[in-house]
Amino acid sequence: EFSEDDALPAKVFGTSVYQTDDGTLFNYRSTPESRLHVKWKGEEVEVAIPELYQKFSDTEFTVYGNTLYFVTKERKIFKATFSSSALTIDVSFDRQLRQDEDCEDHLLQMSTKTGTLVYRMCDDPERDGILLDVKGVQNWKLLSVHRGKIIVYKRNANLATPYAAKLNATVIIIEGLKTGRVCARDSSPFVYMIYGKQLRVLDTRTVEFLPTLSCDWKGRSQMELLGVQGRVITVLGWIEMMTAKLPAGYFKNEPEYELTVAKEKLTEMEEMILKYQTLFEKQKKRVRSLEMDIDKDKLADEQQEQRRAVKRSANAMAVNSKRTISEFTVDKIIGIGSYGCVLKATFIADNRDFALKSIPLKRSANLNKKALDEILRMALLDHDGIVQYHYSWVEHPQQDDWEGILPQSLEHASHYHNISAEIGGYIFIQMELCEQSLAEWLRDHMDMKLRKLNQIRAWFKQLVDAVEFIHRHVSS
């Protein structure tokens, strides 16, 4: 049974109402101008918005989480959020629709060579678009996109009760009497819809309808579903809004449903948590800085001793080196820089590939010191996100030695290693060989569809961790 909540704003001509996950009710008023209205604890807030694509239609609105999305006449997607603490409605531009995108029944569609992509206004077409490639359902009404699946609907007056079926991994069909707005949240496996005076709930995990609930709403022949929060359902009549609580024991698996409700409540807390996240990060950095100051002297002594040990080892290698370039088979040159060149080489003893960086030793103490400093710094960096240092040595190969080591095709390397009076030998640095650089990967993945967001996030985190490690272990 529904009870009228007279604290909610009344519906008038040209108004549509949308409920977000946190319970906020947005009123859209189309006359005399497009405006959004929120009533909160006796206070009312309004804000003007751009004119919609179809001024008297509510098919250009959709709710995702605590945000209301809509499409304007200029084919732009905007989003609106309400702050109960500041009593403000924030409206901001999200993105421009593409030429091949179209808005229909709260959802967006884009035609591609392989078929039609369907997605929500909050989604990215290339990342989140779901391919509707089932023959015969393209002309059905789109109801919702829910948990990675498209739900389509076809009216069938011969069916007294609705029927649902799973066509494939991404398409669910429903046949039955006419239905209005659907409530579907990714935080819950249930999709709610109203058929006449009956509330139907579809469990998308089993693709089965739960028992039908008859609704008593003061003789109203039709109600519009606004939202469901936990067990509370909100509907809209002609000029009134009403709420009702779903009966206890209605869901087949009560513990699992209670977990779903708990997740929804957790989602409601995210906005508050985000407000303090920036402050928390700043405080954490201050604490880390204080901790580093406390242990500054001890850390400096340890790093200094480590550098001395590495330097002693490097100096010993330079004087008593047992490794030579002749122990490698050079395959190709993979890079040339201002200090030297990098070769792909195979260590003959274990048949492993390495990157060999060769740096000419000029008859200049300052230049040679820079090369040695580079080795000392690399030796300190033992981290998964940093190219690994293995070994280094000093050698004085003659011109004939180079000709026997380098393939004839490596003309640049041969020219670079031209022995002259200015060259006093070479520092060789044996390092981990990476199969591909980031620049090469970007070049091979120009198509954004090939760039997986999860992979990019993981790589970016590795890069940041590596930079932080360098700053912590190597002084300027």
Protein backbone atom coordinates (compact mmCIF):
# COMPACT_ATOMS: atom_id res chain seq x y z
CA GLU A 1 0.00 0.00 0.00
CA PHE A 2 1.23 3.42 -0.94
CA SER A 3 1.07 6.49 1.26
CA GLU A 4 1.22 10.02 -0.09
CA ASP A 5 4.27 12.05 0.87
CA ASP A 6 3.06 15.65 0.75
CA ALA A 7 6.57 16.95 1.52
CA LEU A 8 7.54 16.24 -2.06
CA PRO A 9 6.91 18.92 -4.72
CA ALA A 10 3.76 18.46 -6.77
CA LYS A 11 3.88 17.50 -10.40
CA VAL A 12 2.54 20.10 -12.81
CA PHE A 13 2.25 20.20 -16.58
CA GLY A 14 5.59 19.96 -18.32
CA THR A 15 7.37 18.37 -15.35
CA SER A 16 9.23 15.07 -15.08
CA VAL A 17 10.74 13.66 -11.89
CA TYR A 18 13.91 11.59 -11.44
CA GLN A 19 15.25 9.97 -8.27
CA THR A 20 18.99 9.42 -7.74
CA ASP A 21 20.53 6.65 -5.65
CA ASP A 22 20.83 8.88 -2.58
CA GLY A 23 17.08 9.69 -2.71
CA THR A 24 17.33 13.15 -4.27
CA LEU A 25 14.30 13.97 -6.45
CA PHE A 26 15.04 16.19 -9.46
CA ASN A 27 12.03 17.93 -11.05
CA TYR A 28 12.47 18.96 -14.65
CA ARG A 29 10.17 21.85 -15.66
CA SER A 30 9.98 22.65 -19.35
CA THR A 31 7.79 25.76 -19.15
CA PRO A 32 8.26 28.64 -19.36
CA GLU A 33 11.96 27.67 -19.56
CA SER A 34 13.95 24.55 -18.92
CA ARG A 35 14.80 24.29 -15.21
CA LEU A 36 15.77 21.70 -12.62
CA HIS A 37 14.16 21.89 -9.19
CA VAL A 38 14.99 20.12 -5.91
CA LYS A 39 13.06 20.35 -2.64
CA TRP A 40 15.09 19.34 0.40
CA LYS A 41 13.85 19.55 4.01
CA GLY A 42 11.56 22.48 3.27
CA GLU A 43 14.14 24.33 1.17
CA GLU A 44 13.70 24.65 -2.62
CA VAL A 45 16.50 25.10 -5.15
CA GLU A 46 16.15 25.78 -8.88
CA VAL A 47 18.61 26.23 -11.71
CA ALA A 48 18.18 26.95 -15.43
CA ILE A 49 19.51 24.36 -17.87
CA PRO A 50 20.00 24.35 -21.66
CA GLU A 51 16.97 23.43 -23.75
CA LEU A 52 16.56 19.71 -24.26
CA TYR A 53 16.76 17.86 -27.56
CA GLN A 54 12.97 17.37 -27.38
CA LYS A 55 11.58 19.99 -25.02
CA PHE A 56 8.46 18.12 -23.86
CA SER A 57 10.04 14.66 -23.76
CA ASP A 58 11.66 12.96 -20.79
CA THR A 59 13.56 10.42 -22.89
CA GLU A 60 16.68 12.61 -22.78
CA PHE A 61 17.21 12.05 -19.03
CA THR A 62 18.86 9.20 -17.17
CA VAL A 63 20.17 8.62 -13.66
CA TYR A 64 23.47 6.96 -12.81
CA GLY A 65 24.42 6.87 -9.14
CA ASN A 66 23.76 10.30 -7.67
CA THR A 67 24.04 12.13 -11.02
CA LEU A 68 21.32 13.12 -13.48
CA TYR A 69 22.40 13.12 -17.15
CA PHE A 70 20.53 14.78 -20.01
CA VAL A 71 20.95 15.63 -23.72
CA THR A 72 20.40 19.18 -24.97
CA LYS A 73 19.15 20.59 -28.26
CA GLU A 74 22.76 21.16 -29.35
CA ARG A 75 23.41 17.41 -28.88
CA LYS A 76 25.51 17.96 -25.78
CA ILE A 77 25.46 15.76 -22.68
CA PHE A 78 25.22 17.61 -19.37
CA LYS A 79 25.19 16.24 -15.83
CA ALA A 80 23.59 17.60 -12.67
CA THR A 81 24.31 16.81 -9.02
CA PHE A 82 22.71 18.12 -5.83
CA SER A 83 24.65 19.05 -2.69
CA SER A 84 22.46 18.83 0.41
CA SER A 85 25.11 20.54 2.56
CA ALA A 86 25.44 23.59 0.28
CA LEU A 87 21.85 23.44 -1.06
CA THR A 88 23.06 23.87 -4.64
CA ILE A 89 22.49 22.14 -7.97
CA ASP A 90 25.68 21.85 -9.98
CA VAL A 91 25.18 21.55 -13.77
CA SER A 92 28.22 20.90 -15.94
CA PHE A 93 29.03 19.92 -19.53
CA ASP A 94 30.13 16.31 -19.98
CA ARG A 95 30.74 15.78 -23.71
CA GLN A 96 29.49 16.43 -27.25
CA LEU A 97 27.52 13.71 -29.03
CA ARG A 98 29.15 12.37 -32.17
CA GLN A 99 27.50 12.60 -35.55
CA ASP A 100 26.71 8.88 -35.57
CA GLU A 101 25.23 8.86 -32.04
CA ASP A 102 21.50 9.04 -31.33
CA CYS A 103 19.45 9.30 -28.14
CA GLU A 104 16.46 6.99 -27.73
CA ASP A 105 14.54 5.93 -24.62
CA HIS A 106 17.10 7.26 -22.11
CA LEU A 107 19.91 5.41 -23.89
CA LEU A 108 22.45 6.21 -26.59
CA GLN A 109 23.11 4.27 -29.77
CA MET A 110 25.92 4.37 -32.29
CA SER A 111 26.04 2.52 -35.60
CA THR A 112 29.26 0.68 -36.46
CA LYS A 113 30.37 -1.66 -39.22
CA THR A 114 29.66 -4.68 -37.01
CA GLY A 115 26.29 -3.49 -35.68
CA THR A 116 24.70 -1.07 -33.22
CA LEU A 117 26.37 -0.16 -29.94
CA VAL A 118 24.02 0.60 -27.02
CA TYR A 119 25.13 2.38 -23.85
CA ARG A 120 24.09 4.88 -21.19
CA MET A 121 24.73 8.63 -21.24
CA CYS A 122 27.36 8.21 -18.53
CA ASP A 123 29.25 5.56 -20.54
CA ASP A 124 32.13 5.82 -22.98
CA PRO A 125 30.96 4.42 -26.37
CA GLU A 126 34.22 2.68 -27.24
CA ARG A 127 34.86 1.29 -23.77
CA ASP A 128 31.33 0.52 -22.51
CA GLY A 129 29.24 0.15 -25.67
CA ILE A 130 27.40 -3.21 -25.93
CA LEU A 131 26.91 -4.66 -29.41
CA LEU A 132 23.26 -5.35 -30.28
CA ASP A 133 23.82 -7.98 -32.95
CA VAL A 134 20.78 -10.22 -32.44
CA LYS A 135 18.61 -10.43 -35.55
CA GLY A 136 14.99 -9.47 -35.14
CA VAL A 137 15.28 -7.32 -31.99
CA GLN A 138 16.72 -4.13 -33.48
CA ASN A 139 13.21 -2.64 -33.71
CA TRP A 140 12.24 -3.56 -30.15
CA LYS A 141 12.01 -0.85 -27.50
CA LEU A 142 15.17 -0.33 -25.48
CA LEU A 143 14.38 -0.54 -21.76
CA SER A 144 17.72 -0.38 -20.01
CA VAL A 145 21.40 -1.23 -19.90
CA HIS A 146 22.03 -3.15 -16.70
CA ARG A 147 25.22 -4.83 -15.52
CA GLY A 148 26.66 -5.11 -19.02
CA LYS A 149 23.42 -6.36 -20.59
CA ILE A 150 20.89 -4.73 -22.92
CA ILE A 151 17.25 -5.19 -21.89
CA VAL A 152 14.78 -4.84 -24.78
CA TYR A 153 10.97 -4.92 -24.69
CA LYS A 154 8.16 -5.82 -27.07
CA ARG A 155 4.50 -5.30 -26.31
CA ASN A 156 2.36 -8.42 -26.62
CA ALA A 157 -1.30 -8.00 -25.70
CA ASN A 158 -1.81 -11.77 -25.76
CA LEU A 159 0.37 -12.27 -22.70
CA ALA A 160 -1.35 -11.77 -19.36
CA THR A 161 1.97 -11.84 -17.55
CA PRO A 162 5.32 -10.65 -18.89
CA TYR A 163 7.86 -13.11 -20.19
CA ALA A 164 11.65 -12.73 -20.02
CA ALA A 165 14.41 -14.68 -21.72
CA LYS A 166 18.16 -14.41 -22.21
CA LEU A 167 19.00 -14.36 -25.94
CA ASN A 168 22.77 -14.33 -25.48
CA ALA A 169 25.42 -13.15 -23.06
CA THR A 170 24.49 -9.48 -23.51
CA VAL A 171 20.77 -9.31 -24.48
CA ILE A 172 17.66 -9.96 -22.35
CA ILE A 173 14.20 -9.69 -23.97
CA ILE A 174 10.89 -9.00 -22.24
CA GLU A 175 7.46 -9.45 -23.79
CA GLY A 176 4.23 -8.33 -22.17
CA LEU A 177 1.80 -5.47 -21.65
CA LYS A 178 2.84 -1.85 -21.95
CA THR A 179 5.35 -0.66 -19.35
CA GLY A 180 6.59 2.77 -18.36
CA ARG A 181 9.86 3.85 -16.81
CA VAL A 182 12.20 1.14 -15.53
CA CYS A 183 14.41 1.34 -12.43
CA ALA A 184 17.70 -0.54 -12.83
CA ARG A 185 20.85 0.09 -10.79
CA ASP A 186 24.14 -1.78 -11.21
CA SER A 187 24.40 -2.07 -7.42
CA SER A 188 21.36 -4.40 -7.44
CA PRO A 189 20.56 -7.48 -9.57
CA PHE A 190 16.88 -6.51 -9.73
CA VAL A 191 15.09 -4.50 -12.42
CA TYR A 192 11.82 -2.88 -11.36
CA MET A 193 8.92 -1.98 -13.67
CA ILE A 194 5.21 -1.22 -13.40
CA TYR A 195 2.56 -2.88 -15.59
CA GLY A 196 -0.77 -1.12 -15.06
CA LYS A 197 -1.49 -1.68 -11.36
CA GLN A 198 1.14 -4.34 -10.94
CA LEU A 199 4.74 -4.08 -9.85
CA ARG A 200 7.04 -6.56 -11.55
CA VAL A 201 10.62 -7.28 -10.46
CA LEU A 202 13.04 -9.12 -12.75
CA ASP A 203 16.04 -10.94 -11.27
CA THR A 204 18.65 -10.58 -14.03
CA ARG A 205 20.78 -13.38 -12.59
CA THR A 206 18.11 -16.02 -13.18
CA VAL A 207 16.10 -14.01 -15.79
CA GLU A 208 12.94 -14.79 -13.81
CA PHE A 209 10.22 -12.51 -12.49
CA LEU A 210 9.56 -12.43 -8.77
CA PRO A 211 5.93 -12.73 -7.55
CA THR A 212 3.69 -9.94 -8.81
CA LEU A 213 2.75 -7.21 -6.33
CA SER A 214 -0.68 -5.55 -6.70
CA CYS A 215 -0.55 -1.86 -5.88
CA ASP A 216 -3.19 0.23 -4.10
CA TRP A 217 -2.80 3.87 -5.03
CA LYS A 218 -6.17 5.49 -4.36
CA GLY A 219 -7.81 4.32 -7.56
CA ARG A 220 -5.09 5.61 -9.85
CA SER A 221 -5.09 3.68 -13.11
CA GLN A 222 -1.45 4.32 -13.88
CA MET A 223 1.61 5.28 -11.85
CA GLU A 224 5.13 6.17 -12.91
CA LEU A 225 8.05 4.44 -11.20
CA LEU A 226 10.69 6.87 -9.91
CA GLY A 227 13.10 4.76 -7.92
CA VAL A 228 13.79 2.07 -5.34
CA GLN A 229 15.96 2.56 -2.27
CA GLY A 230 16.45 -0.64 -0.33
CA ARG A 231 12.86 -1.77 0.24
CA VAL A 232 11.23 1.63 -0.34
CA ILE A 233 9.64 2.24 -3.75
CA THR A 234 8.70 5.75 -4.91
CA VAL A 235 6.05 6.36 -7.59
CA LEU A 236 4.48 9.39 -9.20
CA GLY A 237 0.76 9.88 -9.74
CA TRP A 238 -0.86 12.84 -11.45
CA ILE A 239 -0.12 15.52 -8.85
CA GLU A 240 1.21 13.50 -5.94
CA MET A 241 4.22 11.37 -5.09
CA MET A 242 3.80 8.25 -2.99
CA THR A 243 6.03 5.70 -1.31
CA ALA A 244 5.59 2.12 -0.16
CA LYS A 245 7.76 -0.50 1.50
CA LEU A 246 8.23 -3.83 -0.23
CA PRO A 247 6.99 -6.71 1.97
CA ALA A 248 9.44 -8.61 4.14
CA GLY A 249 10.45 -11.96 2.67
CA TYR A 250 9.66 -10.82 -0.87
CA PHE A 251 13.10 -11.66 -2.20
CA LYS A 252 14.03 -15.32 -2.54
CA ASN A 253 17.51 -14.93 -1.08
CA GLU A 254 17.20 -12.52 1.83
CA PRO A 255 20.88 -12.57 2.95
CA GLU A 256 22.07 -11.82 -0.59
CA TYR A 257 19.53 -9.02 -0.93
CA GLU A 258 20.54 -7.52 2.40
CA LEU A 259 24.13 -7.52 1.11
CA THR A 260 22.94 -5.66 -2.00
CA VAL A 261 21.18 -3.07 0.17
CA ALA A 262 24.34 -2.68 2.24
CA LYS A 263 26.33 -2.06 -0.95
CA GLU A 264 23.81 0.59 -1.98
CA LYS A 265 24.18 2.33 1.36
CA LEU A 266 27.95 2.14 0.97
CA THR A 267 27.60 3.85 -2.41
CA GLU A 268 25.66 6.66 -0.76
CA MET A 269 28.65 7.30 1.52
CA GLU A 270 31.12 7.64 -1.35
CA GLU A 271 30.32 11.30 -1.96
CA MET A 272 31.10 12.17 1.65
CA ILE A 273 34.29 10.06 1.60
CA LEU A 274 35.53 11.79 -1.55
CA LYS A 275 35.20 15.18 0.14
CA TYR A 276 37.80 14.15 2.69
CA GLN A 277 40.02 12.12 0.40
CA THR A 278 42.09 15.09 -0.78
CA LEU A 279 42.58 16.33 2.78
CA PHE A 280 43.54 12.83 3.89
CA GLU A 281 46.16 12.51 1.13
CA LYS A 282 47.67 15.86 2.11
CA GLN A 283 47.85 14.81 5.76
CA LYS A 284 49.39 11.48 4.80
CA LYS A 285 52.11 13.26 2.84
CA ARG A 286 52.82 15.51 5.84
CA VAL A 287 53.10 12.48 8.13
CA ARG A 288 55.42 10.78 5.64
CA SER A 289 57.53 13.93 5.44
CA LEU A 290 57.76 14.11 9.24
CA GLU A 291 58.76 10.45 9.44
CA MET A 292 61.44 11.00 6.81
CA ASP A 293 62.75 14.03 8.74
CA ILE A 294 63.00 11.99 11.93
CA ASP A 295 65.04 9.26 10.24
CA LYS A 296 66.87 11.65 7.91
CA ASP A 297 70.30 11.31 9.49
CA LYS A 298 70.11 7.53 9.76
CA LEU A 299 68.85 7.19 6.16
CA ALA A 300 71.59 9.48 4.85
CA ASP A 301 74.27 7.42 6.62
CA GLU A 302 72.89 4.18 5.23
CA GLN A 303 72.67 5.56 1.69
CA GLN A 304 76.17 6.98 1.94
CA GLU A 305 77.58 3.64 3.05
CA GLN A 306 75.68 1.90 0.26
CA ARG A 307 77.11 4.29 -2.31
CA ARG A 308 80.62 3.73 -0.94
CA ALA A 309 80.19 -0.04 -1.25
CA VAL A 310 78.87 0.25 -4.81
CA LYS A 311 81.66 2.64 -5.74
CA ARG A 312 84.30 0.30 -4.32
CA SER A 313 82.79 -2.56 -6.30
CA ALA A 314 82.60 -0.46 -9.47
CA ASN A 315 86.18 0.72 -9.09
CA ALA A 316 87.35 -2.84 -8.56
CA MET A 317 85.53 -3.90 -11.73
CA ALA A 318 87.05 -1.05 -13.68
CA VAL A 319 90.57 -2.03 -12.71
CA ASN A 320 90.29 -5.79 -12.56
CA SER A 321 87.50 -6.41 -15.07
CA LYS A 322 86.99 -10.04 -16.04
CA ARG A 323 84.25 -9.37 -18.60
CA THR A 324 84.87 -8.24 -22.19
CA ILE A 325 82.75 -7.32 -25.17
CA SER A 326 83.99 -10.46 -26.91
CA GLU A 327 81.82 -12.53 -24.53
CA PHE A 328 78.74 -11.16 -26.31
CA THR A 329 77.19 -11.63 -29.74
CA VAL A 330 75.86 -8.27 -30.87
CA ASP A 331 72.60 -8.42 -32.80
CA LYS A 332 71.63 -4.85 -33.55
CA ILE A 333 71.74 -1.26 -32.39
CA ILE A 334 68.57 -0.21 -30.53
CA GLY A 335 69.39 3.38 -29.64
CA ILE A 336 71.90 6.21 -29.91
CA GLY A 337 72.13 9.10 -27.48
CA SER A 338 74.41 11.98 -26.57
CA TYR A 339 76.55 9.83 -24.26
CA GLY A 340 76.70 6.58 -26.18
CA CYS A 341 74.77 3.89 -27.98
CA VAL A 342 72.75 0.85 -26.84
CA LEU A 343 73.16 -2.57 -28.45
CA LYS A 344 71.06 -5.70 -28.27
CA ALA A 345 73.53 -8.43 -27.39
CA THR A 346 73.46 -12.08 -26.33
CA PHE A 347 75.71 -13.23 -23.49
CA ILE A 348 77.34 -16.32 -24.97
CA ALA A 349 77.73 -18.13 -21.62
CA ASP A 350 73.97 -18.42 -20.85
CA ASN A 351 72.41 -17.39 -24.21
CA ARG A 352 70.42 -14.57 -22.55
CA ASP A 353 69.72 -11.28 -24.30
CA PHE A 354 70.75 -8.00 -22.69
CA ALA A 355 70.94 -4.32 -23.54
CA LEU A 356 74.56 -3.21 -23.67
CA LYS A 357 75.14 0.51 -23.29
CA SER A 358 78.60 1.64 -24.41
CA ILE A 359 79.87 5.05 -23.34
CA PRO A 360 83.11 6.39 -24.84
CA LEU A 361 85.59 7.57 -22.22
CA LYS A 362 86.78 10.98 -23.36
CA ARG A 363 90.07 12.26 -22.14
CA SER A 364 88.10 14.53 -19.83
CA ALA A 365 87.73 13.88 -16.10
CA ASN A 366 84.35 15.67 -15.87
CA LEU A 367 82.73 13.65 -18.65
CA ASN A 368 84.03 10.39 -17.26
CA LYS A 369 82.76 11.30 -13.78
CA LYS A 370 79.25 11.76 -15.22
CA ALA A 371 79.37 8.31 -16.77
CA LEU A 372 80.56 6.74 -13.51
CA ASP A 373 77.87 8.60 -11.54
CA GLU A 374 75.23 7.12 -13.86
CA ILE A 375 76.48 3.61 -13.07
CA LEU A 376 76.46 4.27 -9.33
CA ARG A 377 72.90 5.56 -9.43
CA MET A 378 71.64 2.65 -11.52
CA ALA A 379 73.25 0.15 -9.16
CA LEU A 380 71.11 1.58 -6.33
CA LEU A 381 67.82 1.06 -8.18
CA ASP A 382 66.43 -2.41 -7.55
CA HIS A 383 62.73 -2.01 -8.42
CA ASP A 384 60.26 -3.86 -10.64
CA GLY A 385 59.36 -0.63 -12.43
CA ILE A 386 62.95 0.30 -13.33
CA VAL A 387 65.12 -1.32 -16.01
CA GLN A 388 67.47 -3.61 -14.09
CA TYR A 389 71.22 -2.98 -13.88
CA HIS A 390 73.40 -6.14 -14.06
CA TYR A 391 77.08 -5.35 -14.57
CA SER A 392 79.55 -2.78 -15.87
CA TRP A 393 83.21 -2.73 -16.87
CA VAL A 394 85.83 -0.63 -18.64
CA GLU A 395 87.50 -1.90 -21.81
CA HIS A 396 89.88 -0.60 -24.45
CA PRO A 397 88.92 -2.41 -27.68
CA GLN A 398 90.88 -1.63 -30.83
CA GLN A 399 89.29 -0.82 -34.18
CA ASP A 400 89.90 -4.40 -35.33
CA ASP A 401 88.06 -5.69 -32.27
CA TRP A 402 84.93 -3.72 -33.19
CA GLU A 403 84.95 -5.03 -36.73
CA GLY A 404 84.96 -8.59 -35.41
CA ILE A 405 82.17 -7.97 -32.88
CA LEU A 406 79.66 -5.78 -34.70
CA PRO A 407 77.68 -7.06 -37.72
CA GLN A 408 78.54 -5.28 -40.94
CA SER A 409 74.97 -3.94 -41.16
CA LEU A 410 75.52 -1.77 -38.05
CA GLU A 411 77.20 1.09 -39.86
CA HIS A 412 76.08 3.69 -37.32
CA ALA A 413 77.61 1.73 -34.45
CA SER A 414 80.85 1.13 -36.35
CA HIS A 415 81.13 4.82 -37.11
CA TYR A 416 80.30 5.71 -33.52
CA HIS A 417 83.01 3.42 -32.15
CA ASN A 418 85.73 4.86 -34.31
CA ILE A 419 88.86 4.82 -32.17
CA SER A 420 90.59 8.21 -32.13
CA ALA A 421 93.00 10.16 -30.02
CA GLU A 422 90.06 11.58 -28.03
CA ILE A 423 88.79 8.14 -26.97
CA GLY A 424 90.48 6.51 -23.99
CA GLY A 425 88.29 3.39 -23.89
CA TYR A 426 84.66 2.50 -23.15
CA ILE A 427 82.41 1.90 -20.18
CA PHE A 428 80.05 -0.99 -20.93
CA ILE A 429 76.83 -1.24 -18.89
CA GLN A 430 74.96 -4.54 -19.04
CA MET A 431 71.23 -4.02 -18.43
CA GLU A 432 67.88 -5.74 -18.69
CA LEU A 433 66.52 -5.85 -22.26
CA CYS A 434 62.92 -4.66 -22.66
CA GLU A 435 60.99 -6.11 -25.58
CA GLN A 436 59.23 -2.85 -26.38
CA SER A 437 59.33 0.79 -25.35
CA LEU A 438 56.27 2.79 -24.33
CA ALA A 439 56.64 4.94 -27.47
CA GLU A 440 56.61 1.81 -29.65
CA TRP A 441 53.55 0.46 -27.82
CA LEU A 442 51.68 3.74 -28.36
CA ARG A 443 52.62 3.69 -32.03
CA ASP A 444 51.31 0.13 -32.42
CA HIS A 445 48.08 0.97 -30.56
CA MET A 446 46.92 4.14 -32.29
CA ASP A 447 43.37 2.74 -32.26
CA MET A 448 41.95 3.63 -28.83
CA LYS A 449 39.97 0.37 -28.80
CA LEU A 450 43.25 -1.53 -28.45
CA ARG A 451 44.22 0.40 -25.32
CA LYS A 452 42.76 -1.40 -22.31
CA LEU A 453 42.04 0.98 -19.44
CA ASN A 454 42.95 -1.54 -16.73
CA GLN A 455 46.33 -2.14 -18.35
CA ILE A 456 47.00 1.61 -18.65
CA ARG A 457 46.09 2.15 -14.98
CA ALA A 458 48.44 -0.63 -13.91
CA TRP A 459 51.31 0.78 -16.00
CA PHE A 460 50.74 4.31 -14.73
CA LYS A 461 50.85 3.09 -11.13
CA GLN A 462 54.12 1.25 -11.87
CA LEU A 463 55.60 4.44 -13.37
CA VAL A 464 54.62 6.55 -10.36
CA ASP A 465 55.94 3.93 -7.92
CA ALA A 466 59.25 3.80 -9.83
CA VAL A 467 59.66 7.60 -9.84
CA GLU A 468 58.91 7.73 -6.10
CA PHE A 469 61.53 4.99 -5.52
CA ILE A 470 64.15 6.96 -7.50
CA HIS A 471 63.53 10.14 -5.50
CA ARG A 472 63.75 8.18 -2.25
CA HIS A 473 66.98 6.31 -3.02
CA VAL A 474 69.00 8.59 -5.28
CA SER A 475 70.02 12.07 -4.14
CA SER A 476 70.52 14.91 -6.60
